[in-house]
Amino acid sequence: MSRFLPLTIRFVGGGTMVVTTIAEARKALDGTWKNKEAPAYLEAARLVDDAITGTCRPAIAFAAFKKAAAQQGLLKPAGPSAALAMLDQLWSRSKAPRS
């Protein structure tokens, strides 16, 4: 299965999990969520299961999973990547006054 940009999920009980695949999304859906009856959660669970069986594109299922996690406040904010931090540093150096 395809890999996606990592999402860090912080479960209601305090545990965390990094999700990068549909299989990991399925495992995360089995964790402790605020509301497993919420429409976005139910849709994500259905689409993830469909992606596992091959009847849904993984990208659609992963997007639904991300949406459900965001709606329940379970997404841990991602920091900037190492590459972005390097670009920021180069940019700030190029704007420094020259003597």
N, C-alpha and C. Protein backbone atom coordinates (compact mmCIF):
# COMPACT_ATOMS: atom_id res chain seq x y z
N MET A 1 0.84 -1.18 0.00
CA MET A 1 0.00 0.00 0.00
C MET A 1 0.88 1.24 0.00
N SER A 2 0.34 2.30 -0.54
CA SER A 2 1.14 3.51 -0.65
C SER A 2 1.34 4.17 0.71
N ARG A 3 2.38 4.94 0.77
CA ARG A 3 2.70 5.66 2.01
C ARG A 3 2.29 7.11 1.85
N PHE A 4 1.93 7.72 2.95
CA PHE A 4 1.50 9.11 2.97
C PHE A 4 2.39 9.89 3.92
N LEU A 5 2.30 11.21 3.86
CA LEU A 5 3.03 12.01 4.83
C LEU A 5 2.58 11.62 6.22
N PRO A 6 3.50 11.51 7.15
CA PRO A 6 3.16 11.02 8.49
C PRO A 6 2.19 11.94 9.23
N LEU A 7 1.21 11.31 9.87
CA LEU A 7 0.29 11.99 10.77
C LEU A 7 0.52 11.43 12.16
N THR A 8 0.68 12.29 13.14
CA THR A 8 0.81 11.81 14.51
C THR A 8 -0.55 12.00 15.18
N ILE A 9 -1.09 10.89 15.63
CA ILE A 9 -2.40 10.87 16.28
C ILE A 9 -2.18 10.79 17.78
N ARG A 10 -2.83 11.67 18.53
CA ARG A 10 -2.79 11.63 20.00
C ARG A 10 -4.17 11.16 20.47
N PHE A 11 -4.22 9.94 20.95
CA PHE A 11 -5.48 9.34 21.37
C PHE A 11 -6.00 9.98 22.66
N VAL A 12 -7.27 9.77 22.92
CA VAL A 12 -7.91 10.34 24.10
C VAL A 12 -7.19 9.91 25.37
N GLY A 13 -6.74 8.68 25.43
CA GLY A 13 -6.05 8.18 26.62
C GLY A 13 -4.63 8.70 26.78
N GLY A 14 -4.14 9.46 25.81
CA GLY A 14 -2.81 10.04 25.93
C GLY A 14 -1.75 9.38 25.08
N GLY A 15 -2.00 8.19 24.57
CA GLY A 15 -1.02 7.54 23.72
C GLY A 15 -0.95 8.20 22.35
N THR A 16 0.15 7.97 21.65
CA THR A 16 0.30 8.52 20.31
C THR A 16 0.67 7.41 19.33
N MET A 17 0.44 7.71 18.06
CA MET A 17 0.76 6.76 17.00
C MET A 17 1.04 7.56 15.73
N VAL A 18 2.08 7.18 15.00
CA VAL A 18 2.37 7.79 13.72
C VAL A 18 1.71 6.93 12.65
N VAL A 19 0.94 7.58 11.77
CA VAL A 19 0.20 6.87 10.74
C VAL A 19 0.71 7.30 9.37
N THR A 20 1.18 6.33 8.57
CA THR A 20 1.67 6.63 7.22
C THR A 20 1.08 5.72 6.16
N THR A 21 0.31 4.72 6.56
CA THR A 21 -0.27 3.78 5.61
C THR A 21 -1.73 3.54 5.95
N ILE A 22 -2.44 2.94 5.03
CA ILE A 22 -3.84 2.59 5.26
C ILE A 22 -3.94 1.55 6.38
N ALA A 23 -3.04 0.60 6.41
CA ALA A 23 -3.06 -0.42 7.47
C ALA A 23 -2.88 0.24 8.84
N GLU A 24 -1.99 1.23 8.92
CA GLU A 24 -1.81 1.94 10.19
C GLU A 24 -3.04 2.78 10.53
N ALA A 25 -3.69 3.34 9.51
CA ALA A 25 -4.92 4.10 9.74
C ALA A 25 -5.99 3.18 10.33
N ARG A 26 -6.08 1.97 9.81
CA ARG A 26 -7.06 1.00 10.33
C ARG A 26 -6.77 0.71 11.80
N LYS A 27 -5.49 0.52 12.12
CA LYS A 27 -5.10 0.25 13.51
C LYS A 27 -5.43 1.46 14.39
N ALA A 28 -5.16 2.66 13.89
CA ALA A 28 -5.43 3.87 14.66
C ALA A 28 -6.93 4.06 14.90
N LEU A 29 -7.74 3.68 13.93
CA LEU A 29 -9.20 3.78 14.11
C LEU A 29 -9.70 2.89 15.24
N ASP A 30 -8.94 1.86 15.55
CA ASP A 30 -9.30 0.97 16.65
C ASP A 30 -8.87 1.53 18.01
N GLY A 31 -8.11 2.64 17.99
CA GLY A 31 -7.67 3.27 19.24
C GLY A 31 -8.80 4.02 19.93
N THR A 32 -8.46 4.79 20.95
CA THR A 32 -9.44 5.52 21.74
C THR A 32 -9.70 6.89 21.13
N TRP A 33 -10.87 7.05 20.53
CA TRP A 33 -11.29 8.31 19.92
C TRP A 33 -12.34 8.97 20.80
N LYS A 34 -12.56 10.26 20.60
CA LYS A 34 -13.56 10.98 21.39
C LYS A 34 -14.96 10.48 21.09
N ASN A 35 -15.25 10.24 19.78
CA ASN A 35 -16.60 9.84 19.40
C ASN A 35 -16.54 8.92 18.19
N LYS A 36 -16.69 7.64 18.42
CA LYS A 36 -16.66 6.68 17.32
C LYS A 36 -17.99 6.59 16.59
N GLU A 37 -18.96 7.40 17.00
CA GLU A 37 -20.25 7.46 16.30
C GLU A 37 -20.35 8.71 15.42
N ALA A 38 -19.33 9.55 15.44
CA ALA A 38 -19.33 10.77 14.64
C ALA A 38 -19.35 10.40 13.15
N PRO A 39 -20.10 11.15 12.34
CA PRO A 39 -20.18 10.82 10.91
C PRO A 39 -18.81 10.76 10.21
N ALA A 40 -17.92 11.68 10.52
CA ALA A 40 -16.60 11.66 9.86
C ALA A 40 -15.81 10.41 10.25
N TYR A 41 -15.91 9.99 11.51
CA TYR A 41 -15.22 8.78 11.95
C TYR A 41 -15.78 7.56 11.21
N LEU A 42 -17.11 7.45 11.17
CA LEU A 42 -17.74 6.31 10.51
C LEU A 42 -17.39 6.27 9.02
N GLU A 43 -17.37 7.43 8.38
CA GLU A 43 -17.00 7.50 6.96
C GLU A 43 -15.55 7.08 6.77
N ALA A 44 -14.66 7.56 7.63
CA ALA A 44 -13.25 7.19 7.54
C ALA A 44 -13.07 5.69 7.73
N ALA A 45 -13.74 5.13 8.71
CA ALA A 45 -13.62 3.69 8.96
C ALA A 45 -14.10 2.89 7.75
N ARG A 46 -15.21 3.31 7.15
CA ARG A 46 -15.73 2.62 5.97
C ARG A 46 -14.75 2.72 4.80
N LEU A 47 -14.24 3.93 4.55
CA LEU A 47 -13.34 4.13 3.41
C LEU A 47 -12.00 3.42 3.62
N VAL A 48 -11.49 3.42 4.85
CA VAL A 48 -10.24 2.70 5.12
C VAL A 48 -10.44 1.21 4.87
N ASP A 49 -11.55 0.66 5.34
CA ASP A 49 -11.84 -0.75 5.10
C ASP A 49 -11.98 -1.02 3.59
N ASP A 50 -12.63 -0.10 2.88
CA ASP A 50 -12.77 -0.26 1.43
C ASP A 50 -11.42 -0.20 0.73
N ALA A 51 -10.54 0.66 1.20
CA ALA A 51 -9.20 0.75 0.61
C ALA A 51 -8.42 -0.54 0.84
N ILE A 52 -8.59 -1.13 1.99
CA ILE A 52 -7.91 -2.39 2.29
C ILE A 52 -8.39 -3.50 1.36
N THR A 53 -9.70 -3.49 1.05
CA THR A 53 -10.23 -4.52 0.16
C THR A 53 -10.07 -4.17 -1.32
N GLY A 54 -9.59 -2.95 -1.58
CA GLY A 54 -9.33 -2.56 -2.96
C GLY A 54 -10.49 -1.89 -3.68
N THR A 55 -11.53 -1.50 -2.96
CA THR A 55 -12.68 -0.86 -3.61
C THR A 55 -12.70 0.65 -3.42
N CYS A 56 -11.65 1.20 -2.84
CA CYS A 56 -11.52 2.65 -2.66
C CYS A 56 -10.06 3.01 -2.84
N ARG A 57 -9.82 4.17 -3.45
CA ARG A 57 -8.43 4.62 -3.60
C ARG A 57 -7.86 4.97 -2.22
N PRO A 58 -6.66 4.51 -1.93
CA PRO A 58 -6.06 4.78 -0.63
C PRO A 58 -5.97 6.27 -0.30
N ALA A 59 -5.71 7.11 -1.28
CA ALA A 59 -5.60 8.55 -1.01
C ALA A 59 -6.91 9.12 -0.49
N ILE A 60 -8.03 8.65 -1.00
CA ILE A 60 -9.33 9.12 -0.53
C ILE A 60 -9.57 8.66 0.90
N ALA A 61 -9.25 7.41 1.18
CA ALA A 61 -9.43 6.87 2.53
C ALA A 61 -8.54 7.59 3.53
N PHE A 62 -7.29 7.85 3.13
CA PHE A 62 -6.36 8.52 4.04
C PHE A 62 -6.82 9.94 4.33
N ALA A 63 -7.33 10.63 3.31
CA ALA A 63 -7.84 11.99 3.49
C ALA A 63 -9.04 11.98 4.45
N ALA A 64 -9.90 10.99 4.33
CA ALA A 64 -11.05 10.88 5.24
C ALA A 64 -10.58 10.61 6.67
N PHE A 65 -9.57 9.77 6.80
CA PHE A 65 -9.00 9.48 8.13
C PHE A 65 -8.44 10.76 8.75
N LYS A 66 -7.67 11.51 7.96
CA LYS A 66 -7.08 12.75 8.45
C LYS A 66 -8.17 13.74 8.87
N LYS A 67 -9.22 13.84 8.07
CA LYS A 67 -10.33 14.75 8.39
C LYS A 67 -11.00 14.35 9.70
N ALA A 68 -11.25 13.07 9.87
CA ALA A 68 -11.90 12.60 11.10
C ALA A 68 -11.03 12.87 12.32
N ALA A 69 -9.73 12.62 12.19
CA ALA A 69 -8.82 12.86 13.30
C ALA A 69 -8.75 14.35 13.63
N ALA A 70 -8.74 15.19 12.61
CA ALA A 70 -8.69 16.63 12.83
C ALA A 70 -9.97 17.12 13.51
N GLN A 71 -11.11 16.62 13.06
CA GLN A 71 -12.38 17.05 13.66
C GLN A 71 -12.47 16.69 15.13
N GLN A 72 -11.82 15.61 15.52
CA GLN A 72 -11.87 15.20 16.92
C GLN A 72 -10.67 15.72 17.72
N GLY A 73 -9.86 16.55 17.10
CA GLY A 73 -8.73 17.15 17.79
C GLY A 73 -7.63 16.17 18.13
N LEU A 74 -7.49 15.12 17.33
CA LEU A 74 -6.49 14.09 17.63
C LEU A 74 -5.19 14.25 16.86
N LEU A 75 -5.15 15.17 15.90
CA LEU A 75 -3.92 15.37 15.13
C LEU A 75 -2.94 16.19 15.93
N LYS A 76 -1.77 15.66 16.11
CA LYS A 76 -0.70 16.40 16.78
C LYS A 76 -0.05 17.28 15.73
N PRO A 77 0.09 18.58 15.99
CA PRO A 77 0.67 19.46 14.98
C PRO A 77 2.07 18.99 14.59
N ALA A 78 2.31 19.02 13.29
CA ALA A 78 3.62 18.61 12.78
C ALA A 78 4.53 19.82 12.72
N GLY A 79 5.74 19.65 13.15
CA GLY A 79 6.73 20.72 13.04
C GLY A 79 7.24 20.79 11.62
N PRO A 80 7.98 21.81 11.31
CA PRO A 80 8.53 21.91 9.96
C PRO A 80 9.54 20.80 9.71
N SER A 81 9.61 20.38 8.47
CA SER A 81 10.57 19.33 8.13
C SER A 81 11.99 19.89 8.23
N ALA A 82 12.96 19.01 8.26
CA ALA A 82 14.36 19.43 8.33
C ALA A 82 14.72 20.26 7.10
N ALA A 83 14.20 19.87 5.94
CA ALA A 83 14.47 20.62 4.71
C ALA A 83 13.89 22.03 4.79
N LEU A 84 12.68 22.15 5.31
CA LEU A 84 12.07 23.47 5.43
C LEU A 84 12.83 24.34 6.42
N ALA A 85 13.29 23.76 7.50
CA ALA A 85 14.09 24.51 8.47
C ALA A 85 15.37 25.02 7.83
N MET A 86 16.00 24.19 7.00
CA MET A 86 17.22 24.62 6.31
C MET A 86 16.91 25.76 5.34
N LEU A 87 15.82 25.66 4.60
CA LEU A 87 15.44 26.74 3.68
C LEU A 87 15.17 28.04 4.43
N ASP A 88 14.47 27.94 5.55
CA ASP A 88 14.20 29.13 6.37
C ASP A 88 15.51 29.78 6.82
N GLN A 89 16.46 28.95 7.22
CA GLN A 89 17.74 29.46 7.69
C GLN A 89 18.50 30.15 6.55
N LEU A 90 18.49 29.53 5.38
CA LEU A 90 19.15 30.15 4.22
C LEU A 90 18.48 31.46 3.84
N TRP A 91 17.15 31.50 3.89
CA TRP A 91 16.41 32.70 3.55
C TRP A 91 16.75 33.83 4.53
N SER A 92 16.78 33.52 5.81
CA SER A 92 17.07 34.58 6.78
C SER A 92 18.51 35.09 6.63
N ARG A 93 19.43 34.22 6.24
CA ARG A 93 20.81 34.66 6.01
C ARG A 93 20.90 35.57 4.78
N SER A 94 20.10 35.27 3.76
CA SER A 94 20.17 36.08 2.54
C SER A 94 19.57 37.46 2.75
N LYS A 95 18.74 37.63 3.77
CA LYS A 95 18.12 38.92 4.06
C LYS A 95 18.92 39.73 5.07
N ALA A 96 19.97 39.14 5.64
CA ALA A 96 20.78 39.86 6.64
C ALA A 96 21.54 40.99 5.96
N PRO A 97 21.69 42.12 6.66
CA PRO A 97 22.43 43.24 6.06
C PRO A 97 23.88 42.85 5.81
N ARG A 98 24.41 43.32 4.72
CA ARG A 98 25.79 43.00 4.36
C ARG A 98 26.67 44.19 4.68
N SER A 99 27.87 43.91 5.16
CA SER A 99 28.77 45.00 5.50
C SER A 99 29.85 45.21 4.47
